[in-house]
Amino acid sequence: MILATKAKTKAPERTQGDAAMARRRFITSAGRGFVLFAALGLLPRTGWAAPKDAKKKLAELTGGAKAQKGRVTLRIPAVTDQASFVPISVRVDSPMTEADNVKDIHVLAERNTVPDVASFHLGPANGKAEISTRIRVRESQIVLAAAVMNDGTVFLGRARCRIVGGAGGCG
């Protein structure tokens, strides 16, 4: 009995030169794709906010009401090396009655990646309009606190915080 056998053919062996060429082709293609995405503006933006972005966000949060000075006291360290957790307190002069109370307190940092840091919702039951927390501050900048009153008026307080070297990568 004779059995037919298939002739085995070997795949061509890949050499180090072939692998290097494949790697070069891949890197070249990836580089061209990156340049194309950059030219078309499709890469994700990693920029930081500017003061104009904070003003735009403030207008959005307050319904476009014009902010007035006064009634808001913002306390933040003038200089700190702990940018990851900067203590902040906001106090609004308000009797917190049904007729005159603080509805919202918004905290914004002008040069953080995202300008709006926190929003607090209050009412007459709170008794006093005062909040304290810790925030992350990306670099030396002005921090804003806006108090929206129950009648729609907005009061604004601001303070500068300077971040010195060794501030957790944010100085």
Protein backbone atom coordinates (compact mmCIF):
# COMPACT_ATOMS: atom_id res chain seq x y z
CA MET A 1 0.00 0.00 0.00
CA ILE A 2 1.32 3.36 -1.03
CA LEU A 3 0.32 6.44 0.87
CA ALA A 4 0.44 9.79 -0.73
CA THR A 5 2.16 12.32 1.41
CA LYS A 6 1.99 15.97 1.06
CA ALA A 7 5.20 17.73 0.66
CA LYS A 8 5.80 19.97 3.58
CA THR A 9 6.75 23.47 2.65
CA LYS A 10 8.46 25.69 5.13
CA ALA A 11 7.40 29.26 5.67
CA PRO A 12 10.17 31.65 4.89
CA GLU A 13 12.21 32.39 7.96
CA ARG A 14 12.01 35.91 9.29
CA THR A 15 15.28 37.53 10.00
CA GLN A 16 16.15 40.31 12.37
CA GLY A 17 16.27 42.64 9.39
CA ASP A 18 12.62 41.85 8.53
CA ALA A 19 11.50 42.53 12.10
CA ALA A 20 13.38 45.82 12.14
CA MET A 21 11.74 46.88 8.86
CA ALA A 22 8.27 46.00 10.19
CA ARG A 23 8.95 48.03 13.31
CA ARG A 24 10.15 50.99 11.23
CA ARG A 25 7.03 50.81 9.04
CA PHE A 26 4.80 50.80 12.12
CA ILE A 27 6.59 53.77 13.71
CA THR A 28 6.47 55.71 10.45
CA SER A 29 2.74 55.03 10.05
CA ALA A 30 2.02 56.00 13.65
CA GLY A 31 4.02 59.21 13.22
CA ARG A 32 2.12 60.11 10.06
CA GLY A 33 -1.18 59.47 11.86
CA PHE A 34 -0.12 61.69 14.76
CA VAL A 35 0.84 64.52 12.38
CA LEU A 36 -2.47 64.15 10.54
CA PHE A 37 -4.49 64.27 13.79
CA ALA A 38 -2.49 67.28 14.98
CA ALA A 39 -3.03 69.09 11.68
CA LEU A 40 -6.77 68.43 11.82
CA GLY A 41 -6.98 69.49 15.47
CA LEU A 42 -8.31 66.12 16.61
CA LEU A 43 -5.83 65.55 19.44
CA PRO A 44 -7.17 66.01 22.98
CA ARG A 45 -6.45 69.40 24.44
CA THR A 46 -4.42 69.40 27.63
CA GLY A 47 -4.35 73.15 28.13
CA TRP A 48 -5.36 74.95 31.27
CA ALA A 49 -8.10 77.42 31.86
CA ALA A 50 -7.49 81.14 31.65
CA PRO A 51 -9.19 83.96 33.58
CA LYS A 52 -11.60 84.47 30.66
CA ASP A 53 -12.70 80.82 31.02
CA ALA A 54 -13.40 81.40 34.72
CA LYS A 55 -15.46 84.51 33.89
CA LYS A 56 -17.42 82.55 31.29
CA LYS A 57 -18.07 79.72 33.77
CA LEU A 58 -19.08 82.24 36.45
CA ALA A 59 -21.62 83.77 34.06
CA GLU A 60 -22.95 80.29 33.30
CA LEU A 61 -23.27 79.38 36.99
CA THR A 62 -24.95 82.65 37.97
CA GLY A 63 -27.29 82.91 35.02
CA GLY A 64 -25.40 85.88 33.59
CA ALA A 65 -26.16 88.18 36.54
CA LYS A 66 -23.67 90.99 37.05
CA ALA A 67 -21.49 90.36 40.11
CA GLN A 68 -21.20 93.06 42.76
CA LYS A 69 -18.40 93.56 45.26
CA GLY A 70 -19.02 93.10 48.94
CA ARG A 71 -20.73 90.71 51.36
CA VAL A 72 -18.34 87.83 50.45
CA THR A 73 -15.20 87.17 52.48
CA LEU A 74 -12.84 84.62 50.95
CA ARG A 75 -10.00 83.35 53.14
CA ILE A 76 -7.13 81.42 51.56
CA PRO A 77 -3.41 81.33 52.45
CA ALA A 78 -1.49 84.07 50.64
CA VAL A 79 1.50 81.72 50.22
CA THR A 80 1.56 77.93 50.43
CA ASP A 81 3.71 75.01 49.37
CA GLN A 82 0.83 72.53 49.63
CA ALA A 83 -0.97 73.08 46.31
CA SER A 84 -2.74 69.73 46.51
CA PHE A 85 -4.87 70.75 49.49
CA VAL A 86 -5.21 74.48 50.06
CA PRO A 87 -7.62 75.35 52.90
CA ILE A 88 -10.31 77.82 51.89
CA SER A 89 -13.26 79.36 53.69
CA VAL A 90 -16.03 81.54 52.31
CA ARG A 91 -18.32 83.65 54.47
CA VAL A 92 -21.25 85.69 53.18
CA ASP A 93 -22.85 88.47 55.22
CA SER A 94 -26.48 87.41 55.19
CA PRO A 95 -29.10 87.03 57.92
CA MET A 96 -30.18 83.75 56.24
CA THR A 97 -33.89 84.54 56.63
CA GLU A 98 -36.64 83.68 54.15
CA ALA A 99 -36.43 87.24 52.79
CA ASP A 100 -32.63 87.45 52.50
CA ASN A 101 -30.52 84.32 52.17
CA VAL A 102 -27.72 82.78 50.16
CA LYS A 103 -28.90 80.24 47.61
CA ASP A 104 -25.53 79.11 46.17
CA ILE A 105 -21.82 79.62 46.75
CA HIS A 106 -19.56 78.87 43.78
CA VAL A 107 -15.76 78.60 44.08
CA LEU A 108 -13.66 79.08 40.93
CA ALA A 109 -9.89 79.01 40.33
CA GLU A 110 -8.86 81.09 37.33
CA ARG A 111 -5.89 78.99 36.19
CA ASN A 112 -6.84 75.45 37.17
CA THR A 113 -7.41 72.89 34.43
CA VAL A 114 -11.15 73.25 35.01
CA PRO A 115 -12.07 76.62 36.54
CA ASP A 116 -15.11 75.56 38.59
CA VAL A 117 -13.87 73.97 41.79
CA ALA A 118 -17.01 73.54 43.92
CA SER A 119 -20.63 74.62 44.30
CA PHE A 120 -22.52 74.65 47.57
CA HIS A 121 -26.31 74.96 47.84
CA LEU A 122 -27.66 76.68 50.93
CA GLY A 123 -30.94 77.90 52.36
CA PRO A 124 -32.39 79.61 55.44
CA ALA A 125 -32.17 76.35 57.40
CA ASN A 126 -28.36 76.57 57.30
CA GLY A 127 -28.42 79.43 59.81
CA LYS A 128 -25.28 81.08 58.47
CA ALA A 129 -23.68 81.28 55.04
CA GLU A 130 -20.22 79.92 55.65
CA ILE A 131 -18.34 77.01 54.07
CA SER A 132 -14.84 75.59 54.56
CA THR A 133 -13.04 73.02 52.45
CA ARG A 134 -9.70 72.23 50.83
CA ILE A 135 -9.08 72.68 47.13
CA ARG A 136 -6.31 71.87 44.67
CA VAL A 137 -4.67 74.92 43.11
CA ARG A 138 -2.62 74.22 40.00
CA GLU A 139 -0.40 77.31 40.16
CA SER A 140 -0.26 80.79 41.70
CA GLN A 141 -3.57 82.43 40.82
CA ILE A 142 -6.70 84.26 41.90
CA VAL A 143 -9.50 82.23 43.46
CA LEU A 144 -13.06 83.54 43.20
CA ALA A 145 -16.10 82.93 45.40
CA ALA A 146 -19.52 83.96 44.11
CA ALA A 147 -22.59 84.06 46.33
CA VAL A 148 -25.95 83.88 44.56
CA MET A 149 -28.70 85.36 46.74
CA ASN A 150 -32.32 84.22 46.76
CA ASP A 151 -33.37 87.35 44.82
CA GLY A 152 -30.83 86.56 42.04
CA THR A 153 -28.16 89.14 42.93
CA VAL A 154 -24.58 87.93 42.88
CA PHE A 155 -21.76 89.05 45.17
CA LEU A 156 -18.13 88.26 44.41
CA GLY A 157 -15.06 87.85 46.58
CA ARG A 158 -11.55 87.14 45.40
CA ALA A 159 -8.16 86.30 46.85
CA ARG A 160 -4.72 85.52 45.47
CA CYS A 161 -2.88 82.34 46.43
CA ARG A 162 0.84 82.04 45.63
CA ILE A 163 2.23 78.53 45.25
CA VAL A 164 5.94 78.19 46.02
CA GLY A 165 8.36 75.47 44.89
CA GLY A 166 7.96 71.87 46.02
CA ALA A 167 4.18 72.15 45.87
CA GLY A 168 3.35 68.62 44.86
CA GLY A 169 4.16 69.21 41.20
CA CYS A 170 1.92 72.24 40.93
CA GLY A 171 4.26 75.15 41.74
